[in-house]
């Protein structure tokens, strides 16, 4: 069984996002929307590979909620992030620059 812990909750804050450690992703409770990652550098860096939101959930800020869950997790575990996913690098981070300090130092020099 996958290890899971609630990352965000409450109807006023947004959808409940669950950490599925076994499948290396953060997902909605119904598992329809998710963000996938791999850990690199001995688990010190989270490489976010892919964000998926089904058509039925698009336009609700779901991808952003998934990103916040992943970034919160990385921050609380003293990890940095590689934003391989184009949504994260091209949309989420420009709209939410307060998360930029978590971007891997190696990538910042090339930005």
PDB file of N, CA and C in Angstrom:
ATOM      1  N   UNK A   1       0.844  -1.177   0.000  1.00  0.00           N
ATOM      2  CA  UNK A   1       0.000   0.000   0.000  1.00  0.00           C
ATOM      3  C   UNK A   1       0.886   1.236   0.000  1.00  0.00           C
ATOM      4  N   UNK A   2       0.503   2.231  -0.745  1.00  0.00           N
ATOM      5  CA  UNK A   2       1.295   3.449  -0.857  1.00  0.00           C
ATOM      6  C   UNK A   2       1.207   4.269   0.420  1.00  0.00           C
ATOM      7  N   UNK A   3       2.330   4.819   0.790  1.00  0.00           N
ATOM      8  CA  UNK A   3       2.334   5.730   1.933  1.00  0.00           C
ATOM      9  C   UNK A   3       1.700   7.033   1.496  1.00  0.00           C
ATOM     10  N   UNK A   4       0.814   7.535   2.269  1.00  0.00           N
ATOM     11  CA  UNK A   4       0.139   8.772   1.886  1.00  0.00           C
ATOM     12  C   UNK A   4      -0.078   9.632   3.114  1.00  0.00           C
ATOM     13  N   UNK A   5       0.103  10.903   2.921  1.00  0.00           N
ATOM     14  CA  UNK A   5      -0.207  11.839   3.991  1.00  0.00           C
ATOM     15  C   UNK A   5      -0.829  13.066   3.362  1.00  0.00           C
ATOM     16  N   UNK A   6      -1.771  13.647   4.046  1.00  0.00           N
ATOM     17  CA  UNK A   6      -2.442  14.830   3.522  1.00  0.00           C
ATOM     18  C   UNK A   6      -1.450  15.977   3.474  1.00  0.00           C
ATOM     19  N   UNK A   7      -1.428  16.670   2.352  1.00  0.00           N
ATOM     20  CA  UNK A   7      -0.536  17.805   2.213  1.00  0.00           C
ATOM     21  C   UNK A   7      -1.317  19.093   2.317  1.00  0.00           C
ATOM     22  N   UNK A   8      -2.449  19.156   1.651  1.00  0.00           N
ATOM     23  CA  UNK A   8      -3.315  20.320   1.782  1.00  0.00           C
ATOM     24  C   UNK A   8      -4.735  19.820   1.961  1.00  0.00           C
ATOM     25  N   UNK A   9      -5.549  20.602   2.626  1.00  0.00           N
ATOM     26  CA  UNK A   9      -6.935  20.207   2.844  1.00  0.00           C
ATOM     27  C   UNK A   9      -7.792  21.444   2.984  1.00  0.00           C
ATOM     28  N   UNK A  10      -9.058  21.236   3.221  1.00  0.00           N
ATOM     29  CA  UNK A  10     -10.027  22.297   3.466  1.00  0.00           C
ATOM     30  C   UNK A  10     -10.605  22.844   2.177  1.00  0.00           C
ATOM     31  N   UNK A  11     -11.909  22.895   2.148  1.00  0.00           N
ATOM     32  CA  UNK A  11     -12.609  23.378   0.966  1.00  0.00           C
ATOM     33  C   UNK A  11     -12.268  24.832   0.666  1.00  0.00           C
ATOM     34  N   UNK A  12     -11.965  25.606   1.689  1.00  0.00           N
ATOM     35  CA  UNK A  12     -11.644  27.011   1.454  1.00  0.00           C
ATOM     36  C   UNK A  12     -10.239  27.187   0.886  1.00  0.00           C
ATOM     37  N   UNK A  13      -9.334  26.257   1.165  1.00  0.00           N
ATOM     38  CA  UNK A  13      -7.968  26.357   0.671  1.00  0.00           C
ATOM     39  C   UNK A  13      -7.797  25.717  -0.696  1.00  0.00           C
ATOM     40  N   UNK A  14      -8.663  24.818  -1.069  1.00  0.00           N
ATOM     41  CA  UNK A  14      -8.532  24.123  -2.339  1.00  0.00           C
ATOM     42  C   UNK A  14      -8.718  22.637  -2.152  1.00  0.00           C
ATOM     43  N   UNK A  15      -8.410  21.888  -3.193  1.00  0.00           N
ATOM     44  CA  UNK A  15      -8.611  20.435  -3.137  1.00  0.00           C
ATOM     45  C   UNK A  15      -7.621  19.770  -2.194  1.00  0.00           C
ATOM     46  N   UNK A  16      -7.999  18.631  -1.692  1.00  0.00           N
ATOM     47  CA  UNK A  16      -7.104  17.859  -0.830  1.00  0.00           C
ATOM     48  C   UNK A  16      -6.098  17.139  -1.719  1.00  0.00           C
ATOM     49  N   UNK A  17      -4.829  17.398  -1.456  1.00  0.00           N
ATOM     50  CA  UNK A  17      -3.746  16.775  -2.217  1.00  0.00           C
ATOM     51  C   UNK A  17      -3.044  15.785  -1.295  1.00  0.00           C
ATOM     52  N   UNK A  18      -2.768  14.592  -1.816  1.00  0.00           N
ATOM     53  CA  UNK A  18      -2.176  13.515  -1.040  1.00  0.00           C
ATOM     54  C   UNK A  18      -0.801  13.182  -1.616  1.00  0.00           C
ATOM     55  N   UNK A  19       0.149  12.923  -0.728  1.00  0.00           N
ATOM     56  CA  UNK A  19       1.479  12.484  -1.148  1.00  0.00           C
ATOM     57  C   UNK A  19       1.460  10.974  -1.297  1.00  0.00           C
ATOM     58  N   UNK A  20       1.695  10.490  -2.509  1.00  0.00           N
ATOM     59  CA  UNK A  20       1.772   9.064  -2.785  1.00  0.00           C
ATOM     60  C   UNK A  20       3.259   8.747  -2.953  1.00  0.00           C
ATOM     61  N   UNK A  21       3.903   8.439  -1.853  1.00  0.00           N
ATOM     62  CA  UNK A  21       5.349   8.234  -1.855  1.00  0.00           C
ATOM     63  C   UNK A  21       5.760   7.062  -2.737  1.00  0.00           C
ATOM     64  N   UNK A  22       4.989   5.996  -2.710  1.00  0.00           N
ATOM     65  CA  UNK A  22       5.344   4.800  -3.471  1.00  0.00           C
ATOM     66  C   UNK A  22       5.379   5.074  -4.980  1.00  0.00           C
ATOM     67  N   UNK A  23       4.422   5.845  -5.475  1.00  0.00           N
ATOM     68  CA  UNK A  23       4.384   6.154  -6.911  1.00  0.00           C
ATOM     69  C   UNK A  23       5.108   7.458  -7.241  1.00  0.00           C
ATOM     70  N   UNK A  24       5.724   8.071  -6.249  1.00  0.00           N
ATOM     71  CA  UNK A  24       6.451   9.329  -6.403  1.00  0.00           C
ATOM     72  C   UNK A  24       5.601  10.395  -7.076  1.00  0.00           C
ATOM     73  N   UNK A  25       4.495  10.705  -6.431  1.00  0.00           N
ATOM     74  CA  UNK A  25       3.655  11.780  -6.950  1.00  0.00           C
ATOM     75  C   UNK A  25       2.768  12.363  -5.866  1.00  0.00           C
ATOM     76  N   UNK A  26       2.289  13.550  -6.149  1.00  0.00           N
ATOM     77  CA  UNK A  26       1.278  14.207  -5.337  1.00  0.00           C
ATOM     78  C   UNK A  26       0.033  14.164  -6.191  1.00  0.00           C
ATOM     79  N   UNK A  27      -1.107  13.829  -5.584  1.00  0.00           N
ATOM     80  CA  UNK A  27      -2.311  13.609  -6.376  1.00  0.00           C
ATOM     81  C   UNK A  27      -3.555  14.035  -5.618  1.00  0.00           C
ATOM     82  N   UNK A  28      -4.616  14.248  -6.373  1.00  0.00           N
ATOM     83  CA  UNK A  28      -5.903  14.516  -5.749  1.00  0.00           C
ATOM     84  C   UNK A  28      -6.383  13.205  -5.131  1.00  0.00           C
ATOM     85  N   UNK A  29      -7.303  13.295  -4.211  1.00  0.00           N
ATOM     86  CA  UNK A  29      -7.796  12.080  -3.542  1.00  0.00           C
ATOM     87  C   UNK A  29      -8.343  11.055  -4.525  1.00  0.00           C
ATOM     88  N   UNK A  30      -8.942  11.537  -5.629  1.00  0.00           N
ATOM     89  CA  UNK A  30      -9.484  10.605  -6.625  1.00  0.00           C
ATOM     90  C   UNK A  30      -8.412  10.110  -7.598  1.00  0.00           C
ATOM     91  N   UNK A  31      -7.178  10.563  -7.423  1.00  0.00           N
ATOM     92  CA  UNK A  31      -6.013  10.161  -8.221  1.00  0.00           C
ATOM     93  C   UNK A  31      -6.086  10.591  -9.678  1.00  0.00           C
ATOM     94  N   UNK A  32      -7.022  11.472 -10.034  1.00  0.00           N
ATOM     95  CA  UNK A  32      -7.173  11.896 -11.423  1.00  0.00           C
ATOM     96  C   UNK A  32      -6.167  12.967 -11.828  1.00  0.00           C
ATOM     97  N   UNK A  33      -5.820  13.852 -10.926  1.00  0.00           N
ATOM     98  CA  UNK A  33      -4.845  14.906 -11.214  1.00  0.00           C
ATOM     99  C   UNK A  33      -3.614  14.631 -10.356  1.00  0.00           C
ATOM    100  N   UNK A  34      -2.424  14.830 -10.949  1.00  0.00           N
ATOM    101  CA  UNK A  34      -1.214  14.504 -10.201  1.00  0.00           C
ATOM    102  C   UNK A  34      -0.005  15.240 -10.752  1.00  0.00           C
ATOM    103  N   UNK A  35       1.041  15.253  -9.940  1.00  0.00           N
ATOM    104  CA  UNK A  35       2.339  15.782 -10.332  1.00  0.00           C
ATOM    105  C   UNK A  35       3.352  14.692 -10.005  1.00  0.00           C
ATOM    106  N   UNK A  36       4.172  14.315 -10.980  1.00  0.00           N
ATOM    107  CA  UNK A  36       5.136  13.230 -10.809  1.00  0.00           C
ATOM    108  C   UNK A  36       6.543  13.785 -10.629  1.00  0.00           C
ATOM    109  N   UNK A  37       7.341  13.074  -9.829  1.00  0.00           N
ATOM    110  CA  UNK A  37       8.713  13.503  -9.578  1.00  0.00           C
ATOM    111  C   UNK A  37       9.628  12.299  -9.407  1.00  0.00           C
ATOM    112  N   UNK A  38      10.912  12.550  -9.479  1.00  0.00           N
ATOM    113  CA  UNK A  38      11.930  11.575  -9.090  1.00  0.00           C
ATOM    114  C   UNK A  38      12.867  12.297  -8.132  1.00  0.00           C
ATOM    115  N   UNK A  39      13.478  11.545  -7.257  1.00  0.00           N
ATOM    116  CA  UNK A  39      14.463  12.111  -6.341  1.00  0.00           C
ATOM    117  C   UNK A  39      15.854  11.842  -6.897  1.00  0.00           C
ATOM    118  N   UNK A  40      16.707  12.858  -6.857  1.00  0.00           N
ATOM    119  CA  UNK A  40      18.081  12.735  -7.331  1.00  0.00           C
ATOM    120  C   UNK A  40      19.013  13.279  -6.246  1.00  0.00           C
ATOM    121  N   UNK A  41      20.303  13.105  -6.473  1.00  0.00           N
ATOM    122  CA  UNK A  41      21.309  13.601  -5.535  1.00  0.00           C
ATOM    123  C   UNK A  41      21.045  13.082  -4.119  1.00  0.00           C
ATOM    124  N   UNK A  42      20.930  11.758  -4.015  1.00  0.00           N
ATOM    125  CA  UNK A  42      20.698  11.095  -2.719  1.00  0.00           C
ATOM    126  C   UNK A  42      19.447  11.606  -2.008  1.00  0.00           C
ATOM    127  N   UNK A  43      18.403  11.938  -2.776  1.00  0.00           N
ATOM    128  CA  UNK A  43      17.144  12.378  -2.189  1.00  0.00           C
ATOM    129  C   UNK A  43      17.123  13.828  -1.760  1.00  0.00           C
ATOM    130  N   UNK A  44      18.140  14.587  -2.119  1.00  0.00           N
ATOM    131  CA  UNK A  44      18.216  15.992  -1.725  1.00  0.00           C
ATOM    132  C   UNK A  44      17.531  16.917  -2.729  1.00  0.00           C
ATOM    133  N   UNK A  45      17.251  16.371  -3.918  1.00  0.00           N
ATOM    134  CA  UNK A  45      16.656  17.184  -4.983  1.00  0.00           C
ATOM    135  C   UNK A  45      15.446  16.452  -5.573  1.00  0.00           C
ATOM    136  N   UNK A  46      14.343  17.183  -5.699  1.00  0.00           N
ATOM    137  CA  UNK A  46      13.131  16.647  -6.312  1.00  0.00           C
ATOM    138  C   UNK A  46      13.048  17.187  -7.745  1.00  0.00           C
ATOM    139  N   UNK A  47      13.114  16.294  -8.703  1.00  0.00           N
ATOM    140  CA  UNK A  47      12.986  16.668 -10.113  1.00  0.00           C
ATOM    141  C   UNK A  47      11.525  16.460 -10.498  1.00  0.00           C
ATOM    142  N   UNK A  48      10.801  17.557 -10.679  1.00  0.00           N
ATOM    143  CA  UNK A  48       9.381  17.463 -11.042  1.00  0.00           C
ATOM    144  C   UNK A  48       9.298  17.258 -12.541  1.00  0.00           C
ATOM    145  N   UNK A  49       8.776  16.102 -12.924  1.00  0.00           N
ATOM    146  CA  UNK A  49       8.784  15.676 -14.322  1.00  0.00           C
ATOM    147  C   UNK A  49       7.524  16.024 -15.101  1.00  0.00           C
ATOM    148  N   UNK A  50       6.367  15.900 -14.458  1.00  0.00           N
ATOM    149  CA  UNK A  50       5.124  15.970 -15.224  1.00  0.00           C
ATOM    150  C   UNK A  50       3.961  16.371 -14.321  1.00  0.00           C
ATOM    151  N   UNK A  51       3.113  17.218 -14.856  1.00  0.00           N
ATOM    152  CA  UNK A  51       1.871  17.593 -14.177  1.00  0.00           C
ATOM    153  C   UNK A  51       0.726  17.199 -15.093  1.00  0.00           C
ATOM    154  N   UNK A  52      -0.277  16.535 -14.542  1.00  0.00           N
ATOM    155  CA  UNK A  52      -1.439  16.140 -15.353  1.00  0.00           C
ATOM    156  C   UNK A  52      -2.727  16.510 -14.636  1.00  0.00           C
ATOM    157  N   UNK A  53      -3.590  17.195 -15.358  1.00  0.00           N
ATOM    158  CA  UNK A  53      -4.925  17.534 -14.872  1.00  0.00           C
ATOM    159  C   UNK A  53      -5.904  17.155 -15.975  1.00  0.00           C
ATOM    160  N   UNK A  54      -6.892  16.278 -15.683  1.00  0.00           N
ATOM    161  CA  UNK A  54      -7.854  15.885 -16.717  1.00  0.00           C
ATOM    162  C   UNK A  54      -8.721  17.075 -17.129  1.00  0.00           C
ATOM    163  N   UNK A  55      -9.261  17.004 -18.323  1.00  0.00           N
ATOM    164  CA  UNK A  55     -10.097  18.090 -18.855  1.00  0.00           C
ATOM    165  C   UNK A  55     -11.180  18.525 -17.869  1.00  0.00           C
ATOM    166  N   UNK A  56     -11.763  17.562 -17.183  1.00  0.00           N
ATOM    167  CA  UNK A  56     -12.868  17.869 -16.267  1.00  0.00           C
ATOM    168  C   UNK A  56     -12.440  18.744 -15.084  1.00  0.00           C
ATOM    169  N   UNK A  57     -11.146  18.817 -14.811  1.00  0.00           N
ATOM    170  CA  UNK A  57     -10.664  19.596 -13.671  1.00  0.00           C
ATOM    171  C   UNK A  57      -9.848  20.824 -14.087  1.00  0.00           C
ATOM    172  N   UNK A  58      -9.721  21.053 -15.383  1.00  0.00           N
ATOM    173  CA  UNK A  58      -8.912  22.179 -15.851  1.00  0.00           C
ATOM    174  C   UNK A  58      -9.619  23.507 -15.612  1.00  0.00           C
ATOM    175  N   UNK A  59      -8.823  24.540 -15.447  1.00  0.00           N
ATOM    176  CA  UNK A  59      -9.368  25.870 -15.225  1.00  0.00           C
ATOM    177  C   UNK A  59      -9.745  26.146 -13.779  1.00  0.00           C
ATOM    178  N   UNK A  60      -9.425  25.228 -12.875  1.00  0.00           N
ATOM    179  CA  UNK A  60      -9.771  25.373 -11.457  1.00  0.00           C
ATOM    180  C   UNK A  60      -8.546  25.631 -10.585  1.00  0.00           C
ATOM    181  N   UNK A  61      -7.394  25.804 -11.212  1.00  0.00           N
ATOM    182  CA  UNK A  61      -6.171  26.021 -10.449  1.00  0.00           C
ATOM    183  C   UNK A  61      -5.585  24.746  -9.870  1.00  0.00           C
ATOM    184  N   UNK A  62      -6.023  23.603 -10.382  1.00  0.00           N
ATOM    185  CA  UNK A  62      -5.588  22.313  -9.849  1.00  0.00           C
ATOM    186  C   UNK A  62      -4.072  22.111  -9.982  1.00  0.00           C
ATOM    187  N   UNK A  63      -3.511  22.452 -11.130  1.00  0.00           N
ATOM    188  CA  UNK A  63      -2.067  22.264 -11.332  1.00  0.00           C
ATOM    189  C   UNK A  63      -1.276  23.087 -10.328  1.00  0.00           C
ATOM    190  N   UNK A  64      -1.739  24.281 -10.056  1.00  0.00           N
ATOM    191  CA  UNK A  64      -1.071  25.135  -9.076  1.00  0.00           C
ATOM    192  C   UNK A  64      -1.139  24.518  -7.679  1.00  0.00           C
ATOM    193  N   UNK A  65      -2.275  23.968  -7.299  1.00  0.00           N
ATOM    194  CA  UNK A  65      -2.416  23.311  -5.997  1.00  0.00           C
ATOM    195  C   UNK A  65      -1.456  22.129  -5.883  1.00  0.00           C
ATOM    196  N   UNK A  66      -1.305  21.376  -6.966  1.00  0.00           N
ATOM    197  CA  UNK A  66      -0.381  20.248  -6.969  1.00  0.00           C
ATOM    198  C   UNK A  66       1.055  20.735  -6.785  1.00  0.00           C
ATOM    199  N   UNK A  67       1.400  21.810  -7.479  1.00  0.00           N
ATOM    200  CA  UNK A  67       2.749  22.385  -7.353  1.00  0.00           C
ATOM    201  C   UNK A  67       3.014  22.854  -5.928  1.00  0.00           C
ATOM    202  N   UNK A  68       2.059  23.534  -5.340  1.00  0.00           N
ATOM    203  CA  UNK A  68       2.232  24.023  -3.975  1.00  0.00           C
ATOM    204  C   UNK A  68       2.472  22.848  -3.024  1.00  0.00           C
ATOM    205  N   UNK A  69       1.745  21.760  -3.208  1.00  0.00           N
ATOM    206  CA  UNK A  69       1.939  20.581  -2.355  1.00  0.00           C
ATOM    207  C   UNK A  69       3.356  20.040  -2.508  1.00  0.00           C
ATOM    208  N   UNK A  70       3.830  19.941  -3.752  1.00  0.00           N
ATOM    209  CA  UNK A  70       5.180  19.424  -4.000  1.00  0.00           C
ATOM    210  C   UNK A  70       6.240  20.375  -3.450  1.00  0.00           C
ATOM    211  N   UNK A  71       6.065  21.669  -3.672  1.00  0.00           N
ATOM    212  CA  UNK A  71       7.041  22.647  -3.186  1.00  0.00           C
ATOM    213  C   UNK A  71       7.032  22.712  -1.654  1.00  0.00           C
ATOM    214  N   UNK A  72       5.857  22.645  -1.041  1.00  0.00           N
ATOM    215  CA  UNK A  72       5.770  22.610   0.424  1.00  0.00           C
ATOM    216  C   UNK A  72       6.521  21.400   0.979  1.00  0.00           C
ATOM    217  N   UNK A  73       6.320  20.263   0.337  1.00  0.00           N
ATOM    218  CA  UNK A  73       6.988  19.035   0.766  1.00  0.00           C
ATOM    219  C   UNK A  73       8.506  19.201   0.662  1.00  0.00           C
ATOM    220  N   UNK A  74       8.951  19.703  -0.475  1.00  0.00           N
ATOM    221  CA  UNK A  74      10.391  19.897  -0.673  1.00  0.00           C
ATOM    222  C   UNK A  74      10.960  20.850   0.383  1.00  0.00           C
ATOM    223  N   UNK A  75      10.252  21.930   0.621  1.00  0.00           N
ATOM    224  CA  UNK A  75      10.720  22.909   1.608  1.00  0.00           C
ATOM    225  C   UNK A  75      10.808  22.289   2.997  1.00  0.00           C
ATOM    226  N   UNK A  76       9.792  21.552   3.393  1.00  0.00           N
ATOM    227  CA  UNK A  76       9.776  20.968   4.737  1.00  0.00           C
ATOM    228  C   UNK A  76      10.798  19.847   4.905  1.00  0.00           C
ATOM    229  N   UNK A  77      11.303  19.309   3.785  1.00  0.00           N
ATOM    230  CA  UNK A  77      12.312  18.252   3.846  1.00  0.00           C
ATOM    231  C   UNK A  77      13.684  18.755   3.391  1.00  0.00           C
ATOM    232  N   UNK A  78      13.858  20.077   3.365  1.00  0.00           N
ATOM    233  CA  UNK A  78      15.134  20.710   2.987  1.00  0.00           C
ATOM    234  C   UNK A  78      15.658  20.221   1.643  1.00  0.00           C
ATOM    235  N   UNK A  79      14.756  20.121   0.677  1.00  0.00           N
ATOM    236  CA  UNK A  79      15.123  19.679  -0.667  1.00  0.00           C
ATOM    237  C   UNK A  79      15.065  20.873  -1.621  1.00  0.00           C
ATOM    238  N   UNK A  80      15.793  20.764  -2.709  1.00  0.00           N
ATOM    239  CA  UNK A  80      15.641  21.746  -3.774  1.00  0.00           C
ATOM    240  C   UNK A  80      14.870  21.074  -4.910  1.00  0.00           C
ATOM    241  N   UNK A  81      14.485  21.878  -5.902  1.00  0.00           N
ATOM    242  CA  UNK A  81      13.633  21.375  -6.980  1.00  0.00           C
ATOM    243  C   UNK A  81      14.256  21.654  -8.344  1.00  0.00           C
ATOM    244  N   UNK A  82      14.147  20.677  -9.215  1.00  0.00           N
ATOM    245  CA  UNK A  82      14.474  20.862 -10.628  1.00  0.00           C
ATOM    246  C   UNK A  82      13.127  20.891 -11.347  1.00  0.00           C
ATOM    247  N   UNK A  83      12.767  22.013 -11.965  1.00  0.00           N
ATOM    248  CA  UNK A  83      11.466  22.125 -12.630  1.00  0.00           C
ATOM    249  C   UNK A  83      11.505  21.627 -14.083  1.00  0.00           C
ATOM    250  N   UNK A  84      11.689  20.324 -14.270  1.00  0.00           N
ATOM    251  CA  UNK A  84      11.733  19.753 -15.616  1.00  0.00           C
ATOM    252  C   UNK A  84      10.393  19.921 -16.327  1.00  0.00           C
ATOM    253  N   UNK A  85       9.309  19.774 -15.596  1.00  0.00           N
ATOM    254  CA  UNK A  85       7.960  19.929 -16.162  1.00  0.00           C
ATOM    255  C   UNK A  85       7.788  21.353 -16.687  1.00  0.00           C
ATOM    256  N   UNK A  86       7.317  21.481 -17.919  1.00  0.00           N
ATOM    257  CA  UNK A  86       7.159  22.806 -18.529  1.00  0.00           C
ATOM    258  C   UNK A  86       6.118  23.653 -17.814  1.00  0.00           C
ATOM    259  N   UNK A  87       5.088  23.042 -17.249  1.00  0.00           N
ATOM    260  CA  UNK A  87       4.108  23.831 -16.500  1.00  0.00           C
ATOM    261  C   UNK A  87       4.784  24.495 -15.303  1.00  0.00           C
ATOM    262  N   UNK A  88       5.607  23.747 -14.595  1.00  0.00           N
ATOM    263  CA  UNK A  88       6.276  24.276 -13.405  1.00  0.00           C
ATOM    264  C   UNK A  88       7.236  25.397 -13.795  1.00  0.00           C
ATOM    265  N   UNK A  89       8.070  25.153 -14.803  1.00  0.00           N
ATOM    266  CA  UNK A  89       9.090  26.144 -15.170  1.00  0.00           C
ATOM    267  C   UNK A  89       8.523  27.348 -15.907  1.00  0.00           C
ATOM    268  N   UNK A  90       7.526  27.134 -16.761  1.00  0.00           N
ATOM    269  CA  UNK A  90       7.031  28.217 -17.624  1.00  0.00           C
ATOM    270  C   UNK A  90       5.800  28.943 -17.099  1.00  0.00           C
ATOM    271  N   UNK A  91       5.056  28.305 -16.205  1.00  0.00           N
ATOM    272  CA  UNK A  91       3.815  28.918 -15.723  1.00  0.00           C
ATOM    273  C   UNK A  91       3.826  29.116 -14.203  1.00  0.00           C
ATOM    274  N   UNK A  92       4.008  28.034 -13.452  1.00  0.00           N
ATOM    275  CA  UNK A  92       3.906  28.141 -12.001  1.00  0.00           C
ATOM    276  C   UNK A  92       4.958  29.069 -11.397  1.00  0.00           C
ATOM    277  N   UNK A  93       6.225  28.848 -11.706  1.00  0.00           N
ATOM    278  CA  UNK A  93       7.275  29.662 -11.084  1.00  0.00           C
ATOM    279  C   UNK A  93       7.197  31.141 -11.482  1.00  0.00           C
ATOM    280  N   UNK A  94       6.955  31.475 -12.751  1.00  0.00           N
ATOM    281  CA  UNK A  94       6.818  32.900 -13.079  1.00  0.00           C
ATOM    282  C   UNK A  94       5.637  33.568 -12.356  1.00  0.00           C
ATOM    283  N   UNK A  95       4.568  32.819 -12.119  1.00  0.00           N
ATOM    284  CA  UNK A  95       3.399  33.361 -11.418  1.00  0.00           C
ATOM    285  C   UNK A  95       3.573  33.368  -9.900  1.00  0.00           C
ATOM    286  N   UNK A  96       4.506  32.563  -9.411  1.00  0.00           N
ATOM    287  CA  UNK A  96       4.719  32.411  -7.972  1.00  0.00           C
ATOM    288  C   UNK A  96       6.207  32.513  -7.646  1.00  0.00           C
ATOM    289  N   UNK A  97       6.807  33.675  -7.856  1.00  0.00           N
ATOM    290  CA  UNK A  97       8.257  33.813  -7.681  1.00  0.00           C
ATOM    291  C   UNK A  97       8.747  33.565  -6.253  1.00  0.00           C
ATOM    292  N   UNK A  98       7.840  33.561  -5.285  1.00  0.00           N
ATOM    293  CA  UNK A  98       8.271  33.300  -3.909  1.00  0.00           C
ATOM    294  C   UNK A  98       8.833  31.884  -3.748  1.00  0.00           C
ATOM    295  N   UNK A  99       8.538  30.984  -4.696  1.00  0.00           N
ATOM    296  CA  UNK A  99       9.049  29.614  -4.632  1.00  0.00           C
ATOM    297  C   UNK A  99      10.419  29.482  -5.292  1.00  0.00           C
ATOM    298  N   UNK A 100      10.892  30.505  -5.987  1.00  0.00           N
ATOM    299  CA  UNK A 100      12.169  30.426  -6.703  1.00  0.00           C
ATOM    300  C   UNK A 100      13.360  30.030  -5.830  1.00  0.00           C
ATOM    301  N   UNK A 101      13.390  30.399  -4.541  1.00  0.00           N
ATOM    302  CA  UNK A 101      14.536  29.970  -3.723  1.00  0.00           C
ATOM    303  C   UNK A 101      14.695  28.447  -3.629  1.00  0.00           C
ATOM    304  N   UNK A 102      13.648  27.693  -3.908  1.00  0.00           N
ATOM    305  CA  UNK A 102      13.759  26.232  -3.851  1.00  0.00           C
ATOM    306  C   UNK A 102      14.339  25.626  -5.129  1.00  0.00           C
ATOM    307  N   UNK A 103      14.410  26.413  -6.196  1.00  0.00           N
ATOM    308  CA  UNK A 103      14.949  25.892  -7.455  1.00  0.00           C
ATOM    309  C   UNK A 103      16.427  25.566  -7.248  1.00  0.00           C
ATOM    310  N   UNK A 104      16.836  24.421  -7.742  1.00  0.00           N
ATOM    311  CA  UNK A 104      18.213  23.949  -7.575  1.00  0.00           C
ATOM    312  C   UNK A 104      19.208  25.032  -7.958  1.00  0.00           C
ATOM    313  N   UNK A 105      20.211  25.238  -7.127  1.00  0.00           N
ATOM    314  CA  UNK A 105      21.245  26.251  -7.346  1.00  0.00           C
ATOM    315  C   UNK A 105      21.930  26.080  -8.703  1.00  0.00           C
ATOM    316  N   UNK A 106      22.107  24.860  -9.141  1.00  0.00           N
ATOM    317  CA  UNK A 106      22.756  24.599 -10.434  1.00  0.00           C
ATOM    318  C   UNK A 106      21.949  25.201 -11.578  1.00  0.00           C
ATOM    319  N   UNK A 107      20.622  25.194 -11.442  1.00  0.00           N
ATOM    320  CA  UNK A 107      19.773  25.736 -12.492  1.00  0.00           C
ATOM    321  C   UNK A 107      19.735  27.260 -12.445  1.00  0.00           C
ATOM    322  N   UNK A 108      19.838  27.828 -11.263  1.00  0.00           N
ATOM    323  CA  UNK A 108      19.756  29.282 -11.127  1.00  0.00           C
ATOM    324  C   UNK A 108      20.874  29.973 -11.896  1.00  0.00           C
ATOM    325  N   UNK A 109      22.041  29.357 -11.959  1.00  0.00           N
ATOM    326  CA  UNK A 109      23.163  29.983 -12.654  1.00  0.00           C
ATOM    327  C   UNK A 109      22.919  30.037 -14.158  1.00  0.00           C
ATOM    328  N   UNK A 110      22.035  29.182 -14.665  1.00  0.00           N
ATOM    329  CA  UNK A 110      21.767  29.177 -16.101  1.00  0.00           C
ATOM    330  C   UNK A 110      20.508  29.951 -16.459  1.00  0.00           C
ATOM    331  N   UNK A 111      19.818  30.518 -15.440  1.00  0.00           N
ATOM    332  CA  UNK A 111      18.583  31.249 -15.689  1.00  0.00           C
ATOM    333  C   UNK A 111      18.864  32.691 -16.055  1.00  0.00           C
TER     334      UNK A 111
END
